[in-house]
PDB file of N, CA and C in Angstrom:
ATOM      1  N   MET A   1       0.873  -1.278  -0.035  1.00  0.00           N
ATOM      2  CA  MET A   1       0.004   0.193   0.302  1.00  0.00           C
ATOM      3  C   MET A   1       0.676   1.156   0.143  1.00  0.00           C
ATOM      4  N   GLU A   2       0.567   2.283  -1.030  1.00  0.00           N
ATOM      5  CA  GLU A   2       1.322   3.257  -0.912  1.00  0.00           C
ATOM      6  C   GLU A   2       1.053   4.230   0.264  1.00  0.00           C
ATOM      7  N   THR A   3       1.582   4.974   0.370  1.00  0.00           N
ATOM      8  CA  THR A   3       1.362   6.220   1.532  1.00  0.00           C
ATOM      9  C   THR A   3       1.603   7.497   0.977  1.00  0.00           C
ATOM     10  N   GLN A   4       0.907   8.559   0.612  1.00  0.00           N
ATOM     11  CA  GLN A   4       1.340   9.841   0.113  1.00  0.00           C
ATOM     12  C   GLN A   4       1.057  10.905   1.333  1.00  0.00           C
ATOM     13  N   GLN A   5       1.444  11.796   1.511  1.00  0.00           N
ATOM     14  CA  GLN A   5       1.253  13.107   2.443  1.00  0.00           C
ATOM     15  C   GLN A   5       1.267  14.498   1.603  1.00  0.00           C
ATOM     16  N   PHE A   6       0.180  15.030   2.186  1.00  0.00           N
ATOM     17  CA  PHE A   6      -0.195  16.391   1.683  1.00  0.00           C
ATOM     18  C   PHE A   6       0.168  17.525   3.116  1.00  0.00           C
ATOM     19  N   LYS A   7       0.278  18.988   2.478  1.00  0.00           N
ATOM     20  CA  LYS A   7       0.219  19.755   3.420  1.00  0.00           C
ATOM     21  C   LYS A   7      -1.338  20.325   2.760  1.00  0.00           C
ATOM     22  N   THR A   8      -1.877  20.799   3.797  1.00  0.00           N
ATOM     23  CA  THR A   8      -3.366  21.254   3.542  1.00  0.00           C
ATOM     24  C   THR A   8      -3.516  22.681   4.751  1.00  0.00           C
ATOM     25  N   ASN A   9      -4.751  23.116   4.153  1.00  0.00           N
ATOM     26  CA  ASN A   9      -5.272  24.108   5.262  1.00  0.00           C
ATOM     27  C   ASN A   9      -6.716  23.584   5.812  1.00  0.00           C
ATOM     28  N   ILE A  10      -6.830  22.058   6.070  1.00  0.00           N
ATOM     29  CA  ILE A  10      -7.952  21.834   6.624  1.00  0.00           C
ATOM     30  C   ILE A  10      -7.544  21.483   8.368  1.00  0.00           C
ATOM     31  N   LYS A  11      -8.441  22.544   8.843  1.00  0.00           N
ATOM     32  CA  LYS A  11      -7.850  22.656  10.038  1.00  0.00           C
ATOM     33  C   LYS A  11      -8.689  22.445  11.378  1.00  0.00           C
ATOM     34  N   CYS A  12     -10.022  21.739  10.978  1.00  0.00           N
ATOM     35  CA  CYS A  12     -10.979  21.387  12.293  1.00  0.00           C
ATOM     36  C   CYS A  12     -11.807  20.531  11.714  1.00  0.00           C
ATOM     37  N   GLY A  13     -12.474  20.126  12.694  1.00  0.00           N
ATOM     38  CA  GLY A  13     -13.730  18.989  12.365  1.00  0.00           C
ATOM     39  C   GLY A  13     -14.583  19.141  11.510  1.00  0.00           C
ATOM     40  N   GLY A  14     -15.145  20.375  11.164  1.00  0.00           N
ATOM     41  CA  GLY A  14     -16.041  20.684  10.263  1.00  0.00           C
ATOM     42  C   GLY A  14     -15.339  20.531   9.001  1.00  0.00           C
ATOM     43  N   CYS A  15     -14.065  20.798   8.819  1.00  0.00           N
ATOM     44  CA  CYS A  15     -13.084  21.085   7.526  1.00  0.00           C
ATOM     45  C   CYS A  15     -13.428  19.435   7.028  1.00  0.00           C
ATOM     46  N   ILE A  16     -12.782  18.615   8.021  1.00  0.00           N
ATOM     47  CA  ILE A  16     -12.956  17.444   7.784  1.00  0.00           C
ATOM     48  C   ILE A  16     -14.377  16.812   7.481  1.00  0.00           C
ATOM     49  N   ALA A  17     -15.432  17.183   7.999  1.00  0.00           N
ATOM     50  CA  ALA A  17     -16.698  16.826   7.302  1.00  0.00           C
ATOM     51  C   ALA A  17     -16.842  17.144   6.239  1.00  0.00           C
ATOM     52  N   THR A  18     -16.362  18.364   5.543  1.00  0.00           N
ATOM     53  CA  THR A  18     -16.383  18.935   4.359  1.00  0.00           C
ATOM     54  C   THR A  18     -15.569  17.820   3.343  1.00  0.00           C
ATOM     55  N   VAL A  19     -14.481  17.595   3.568  1.00  0.00           N
ATOM     56  CA  VAL A  19     -13.575  17.090   2.631  1.00  0.00           C
ATOM     57  C   VAL A  19     -14.070  15.297   2.703  1.00  0.00           C
ATOM     58  N   THR A  20     -14.647  15.010   3.860  1.00  0.00           N
ATOM     59  CA  THR A  20     -14.728  13.357   3.799  1.00  0.00           C
ATOM     60  C   THR A  20     -15.363  12.783   2.488  1.00  0.00           C
ATOM     61  N   PRO A  21     -16.473  13.382   2.089  1.00  0.00           N
ATOM     62  CA  PRO A  21     -17.304  13.035   0.676  1.00  0.00           C
ATOM     63  C   PRO A  21     -16.406  12.558  -0.523  1.00  0.00           C
ATOM     64  N   TYR A  22     -15.537  13.853  -0.457  1.00  0.00           N
ATOM     65  CA  TYR A  22     -14.580  13.615  -1.462  1.00  0.00           C
ATOM     66  C   TYR A  22     -13.163  12.723  -1.874  1.00  0.00           C
ATOM     67  N   LEU A  23     -13.053  12.653  -0.091  1.00  0.00           N
ATOM     68  CA  LEU A  23     -11.806  11.918  -0.028  1.00  0.00           C
ATOM     69  C   LEU A  23     -12.250  10.636  -0.082  1.00  0.00           C
ATOM     70  N   ASN A  24     -13.589  10.289   0.428  1.00  0.00           N
ATOM     71  CA  ASN A  24     -13.841   8.610   0.371  1.00  0.00           C
ATOM     72  C   ASN A  24     -14.122   8.283  -1.161  1.00  0.00           C
ATOM     73  N   GLU A  25     -14.330   9.053  -1.935  1.00  0.00           N
ATOM     74  CA  GLU A  25     -14.615   8.817  -3.305  1.00  0.00           C
ATOM     75  C   GLU A  25     -13.422   8.772  -3.740  1.00  0.00           C
ATOM     76  N   VAL A  26     -12.008   9.139  -4.146  1.00  0.00           N
ATOM     77  CA  VAL A  26     -11.184   9.210  -4.508  1.00  0.00           C
ATOM     78  C   VAL A  26     -10.286   7.916  -4.051  1.00  0.00           C
ATOM     79  N   ALA A  27     -10.311   8.266  -2.337  1.00  0.00           N
ATOM     80  CA  ALA A  27      -9.087   7.328  -1.573  1.00  0.00           C
ATOM     81  C   ALA A  27      -9.561   5.641  -1.171  1.00  0.00           C
ATOM     82  N   GLY A  28     -11.341   6.323  -0.886  1.00  0.00           N
ATOM     83  CA  GLY A  28     -11.930   4.964  -0.087  1.00  0.00           C
ATOM     84  C   GLY A  28     -11.902   5.553   1.379  1.00  0.00           C
ATOM     85  N   GLU A  29     -13.191   4.886   1.892  1.00  0.00           N
ATOM     86  CA  GLU A  29     -13.410   4.905   3.293  1.00  0.00           C
ATOM     87  C   GLU A  29     -12.144   4.552   3.897  1.00  0.00           C
ATOM     88  N   ASN A  30     -11.812   5.392   5.165  1.00  0.00           N
ATOM     89  CA  ASN A  30     -10.514   4.807   6.031  1.00  0.00           C
ATOM     90  C   ASN A  30      -9.256   4.773   5.439  1.00  0.00           C
ATOM     91  N   ALA A  31      -9.068   5.216   4.550  1.00  0.00           N
ATOM     92  CA  ALA A  31      -7.575   4.949   3.549  1.00  0.00           C
ATOM     93  C   ALA A  31      -7.178   6.584   3.668  1.00  0.00           C
ATOM     94  N   TRP A  32      -7.504   7.657   4.635  1.00  0.00           N
ATOM     95  CA  TRP A  32      -7.179   8.894   4.737  1.00  0.00           C
ATOM     96  C   TRP A  32      -7.132   9.337   6.026  1.00  0.00           C
ATOM     97  N   LYS A  33      -6.340  10.315   6.748  1.00  0.00           N
ATOM     98  CA  LYS A  33      -6.768  10.951   7.858  1.00  0.00           C
ATOM     99  C   LYS A  33      -5.989  12.395   7.897  1.00  0.00           C
ATOM    100  N   VAL A  34      -6.686  13.517   8.445  1.00  0.00           N
ATOM    101  CA  VAL A  34      -5.839  14.669   8.582  1.00  0.00           C
ATOM    102  C   VAL A  34      -5.680  14.883  10.098  1.00  0.00           C
ATOM    103  N   ASP A  35      -4.083  15.201  10.059  1.00  0.00           N
ATOM    104  CA  ASP A  35      -3.613  15.435  11.808  1.00  0.00           C
ATOM    105  C   ASP A  35      -3.586  17.461  11.816  1.00  0.00           C
ATOM    106  N   THR A  36      -4.791  17.549  12.317  1.00  0.00           N
ATOM    107  CA  THR A  36      -5.246  18.894  12.395  1.00  0.00           C
ATOM    108  C   THR A  36      -4.526  19.593  13.564  1.00  0.00           C
ATOM    109  N   ALA A  37      -3.727  18.548  14.410  1.00  0.00           N
ATOM    110  CA  ALA A  37      -2.828  19.047  15.552  1.00  0.00           C
ATOM    111  C   ALA A  37      -1.264  19.679  14.755  1.00  0.00           C
ATOM    112  N   ALA A  38      -0.922  18.911  13.882  1.00  0.00           N
ATOM    113  CA  ALA A  38       0.217  19.385  12.977  1.00  0.00           C
ATOM    114  C   ALA A  38       0.319  20.752  12.318  1.00  0.00           C
ATOM    115  N   PRO A  39       1.404  21.225  12.629  1.00  0.00           N
ATOM    116  CA  PRO A  39       1.150  22.752  11.896  1.00  0.00           C
ATOM    117  C   PRO A  39       1.009  23.261  10.320  1.00  0.00           C
ATOM    118  N   GLU A  40       1.431  21.916   9.887  1.00  0.00           N
ATOM    119  CA  GLU A  40       1.203  21.679   8.423  1.00  0.00           C
ATOM    120  C   GLU A  40      -0.018  20.979   8.066  1.00  0.00           C
ATOM    121  N   LYS A  41      -0.837  20.982   9.019  1.00  0.00           N
ATOM    122  CA  LYS A  41      -2.100  19.980   8.842  1.00  0.00           C
ATOM    123  C   LYS A  41      -2.112  19.025   7.632  1.00  0.00           C
ATOM    124  N   VAL A  42      -1.460  17.805   8.252  1.00  0.00           N
ATOM    125  CA  VAL A  42      -0.968  17.187   6.957  1.00  0.00           C
ATOM    126  C   VAL A  42      -2.325  15.851   6.782  1.00  0.00           C
ATOM    127  N   LEU A  43      -2.288  15.801   5.638  1.00  0.00           N
ATOM    128  CA  LEU A  43      -3.354  15.033   5.056  1.00  0.00           C
ATOM    129  C   LEU A  43      -2.319  13.384   4.768  1.00  0.00           C
ATOM    130  N   THR A  44      -2.886  12.423   5.105  1.00  0.00           N
ATOM    131  CA  THR A  44      -2.151  11.209   4.929  1.00  0.00           C
ATOM    132  C   THR A  44      -3.254  10.365   4.090  1.00  0.00           C
ATOM    133  N   ILE A  45      -2.688   9.890   2.746  1.00  0.00           N
ATOM    134  CA  ILE A  45      -3.679   8.974   2.117  1.00  0.00           C
ATOM    135  C   ILE A  45      -2.563   7.626   2.343  1.00  0.00           C
ATOM    136  N   SER A  46      -3.661   6.373   2.565  1.00  0.00           N
ATOM    137  CA  SER A  46      -2.744   5.263   2.378  1.00  0.00           C
ATOM    138  C   SER A  46      -3.707   4.416   1.572  1.00  0.00           C
ATOM    139  N   ALA A  47      -3.544   4.498   0.320  1.00  0.00           N
ATOM    140  CA  ALA A  47      -4.164   3.925  -0.696  1.00  0.00           C
ATOM    141  C   ALA A  47      -3.257   3.729  -2.094  1.00  0.00           C
ATOM    142  N   ASP A  48      -3.717   2.324  -2.738  1.00  0.00           N
ATOM    143  CA  ASP A  48      -3.254   2.180  -3.978  1.00  0.00           C
ATOM    144  C   ASP A  48      -3.763   2.666  -4.974  1.00  0.00           C
ATOM    145  N   LYS A  49      -2.938   3.287  -6.086  1.00  0.00           N
ATOM    146  CA  LYS A  49      -3.507   3.183  -7.332  1.00  0.00           C
ATOM    147  C   LYS A  49      -4.164   5.140  -7.584  1.00  0.00           C
ATOM    148  N   VAL A  50      -3.779   5.580  -6.553  1.00  0.00           N
ATOM    149  CA  VAL A  50      -4.512   7.290  -6.243  1.00  0.00           C
ATOM    150  C   VAL A  50      -3.147   8.015  -6.469  1.00  0.00           C
ATOM    151  N   GLY A  51      -3.813   8.780  -7.611  1.00  0.00           N
ATOM    152  CA  GLY A  51      -2.607   9.908  -8.027  1.00  0.00           C
ATOM    153  C   GLY A  51      -2.540  11.176  -7.198  1.00  0.00           C
ATOM    154  N   ALA A  52      -1.496  11.592  -7.040  1.00  0.00           N
ATOM    155  CA  ALA A  52      -1.557  12.739  -6.165  1.00  0.00           C
ATOM    156  C   ALA A  52      -2.474  14.211  -6.418  1.00  0.00           C
ATOM    157  N   GLU A  53      -2.475  14.047  -8.138  1.00  0.00           N
ATOM    158  CA  GLU A  53      -3.106  14.894  -8.617  1.00  0.00           C
ATOM    159  C   GLU A  53      -4.544  14.687  -8.482  1.00  0.00           C
ATOM    160  N   GLU A  54      -4.974  13.726  -8.187  1.00  0.00           N
ATOM    161  CA  GLU A  54      -6.425  13.171  -8.305  1.00  0.00           C
ATOM    162  C   GLU A  54      -6.733  13.523  -6.680  1.00  0.00           C
ATOM    163  N   ILE A  55      -5.987  13.280  -5.577  1.00  0.00           N
ATOM    164  CA  ILE A  55      -6.233  13.725  -4.317  1.00  0.00           C
ATOM    165  C   ILE A  55      -6.020  15.321  -4.099  1.00  0.00           C
ATOM    166  N   ILE A  56      -5.311  16.177  -4.519  1.00  0.00           N
ATOM    167  CA  ILE A  56      -5.628  17.430  -4.837  1.00  0.00           C
ATOM    168  C   ILE A  56      -6.576  17.995  -5.217  1.00  0.00           C
ATOM    169  N   ARG A  57      -7.185  17.522  -6.586  1.00  0.00           N
ATOM    170  CA  ARG A  57      -8.356  18.113  -7.154  1.00  0.00           C
ATOM    171  C   ARG A  57      -9.564  18.068  -6.210  1.00  0.00           C
ATOM    172  N   ALA A  58      -9.516  16.695  -5.428  1.00  0.00           N
ATOM    173  CA  ALA A  58     -10.647  16.549  -4.606  1.00  0.00           C
ATOM    174  C   ALA A  58     -10.614  17.345  -3.599  1.00  0.00           C
ATOM    175  N   VAL A  59      -9.698  17.495  -2.609  1.00  0.00           N
ATOM    176  CA  VAL A  59      -9.188  18.477  -1.693  1.00  0.00           C
ATOM    177  C   VAL A  59      -9.810  20.163  -2.327  1.00  0.00           C
ATOM    178  N   GLU A  60      -9.242  20.335  -3.587  1.00  0.00           N
ATOM    179  CA  GLU A  60      -9.736  21.833  -3.963  1.00  0.00           C
ATOM    180  C   GLU A  60     -11.397  22.043  -4.176  1.00  0.00           C
ATOM    181  N   LYS A  61     -11.548  20.644  -4.821  1.00  0.00           N
ATOM    182  CA  LYS A  61     -13.353  20.534  -4.904  1.00  0.00           C
ATOM    183  C   LYS A  61     -14.072  20.600  -3.860  1.00  0.00           C
ATOM    184  N   ALA A  62     -13.600  20.451  -2.775  1.00  0.00           N
ATOM    185  CA  ALA A  62     -14.122  20.747  -1.204  1.00  0.00           C
ATOM    186  C   ALA A  62     -13.982  21.814  -0.666  1.00  0.00           C
ATOM    187  N   GLY A  63     -13.074  23.026  -1.714  1.00  0.00           N
ATOM    188  CA  GLY A  63     -13.104  24.021  -0.978  1.00  0.00           C
ATOM    189  C   GLY A  63     -11.678  24.479  -0.300  1.00  0.00           C
ATOM    190  N   TYR A  64     -10.656  23.511  -0.379  1.00  0.00           N
ATOM    191  CA  TYR A  64      -9.421  23.434   0.685  1.00  0.00           C
ATOM    192  C   TYR A  64      -8.228  23.219  -0.550  1.00  0.00           C
ATOM    193  N   LYS A  65      -6.895  23.622   0.110  1.00  0.00           N
ATOM    194  CA  LYS A  65      -5.689  23.421  -0.618  1.00  0.00           C
ATOM    195  C   LYS A  65      -5.213  22.419   0.005  1.00  0.00           C
ATOM    196  N   ALA A  66      -4.140  21.606  -0.899  1.00  0.00           N
ATOM    197  CA  ALA A  66      -3.651  20.557  -0.773  1.00  0.00           C
ATOM    198  C   ALA A  66      -1.853  20.589  -1.670  1.00  0.00           C
ATOM    199  N   GLU A  67      -0.926  20.447  -1.072  1.00  0.00           N
ATOM    200  CA  GLU A  67       0.144  20.534  -1.786  1.00  0.00           C
ATOM    201  C   GLU A  67       1.244  19.172  -1.614  1.00  0.00           C
ATOM    202  N   LYS A  68       1.699  18.113  -2.019  1.00  0.00           N
ATOM    203  CA  LYS A  68       2.286  17.318  -1.828  1.00  0.00           C
ATOM    204  C   LYS A  68       3.432  17.588  -1.155  1.00  0.00           C
ATOM    205  N   LEU A  69       3.619  16.770   0.196  1.00  0.00           N
ATOM    206  CA  LEU A  69       4.827  16.899   1.147  1.00  0.00           C
ATOM    207  C   LEU A  69       5.927  15.983   0.266  1.00  0.00           C
TER     208      LEU A  69
END
């Protein structure tokens, strides 16, 4: 399983609730998490065959930003 990390501006539970349907669609349920305690608000994806651009587009569709670390 491939793990990718992204710096985001997802900073609270409400933000996570907003991006959940988008990330579940692209990466799958339980295949991602956001560390809102980290200064860079790191989104970690643990899924096979999901491209970084696909993840970034899903986060942007939800109204947030992400960049690959």
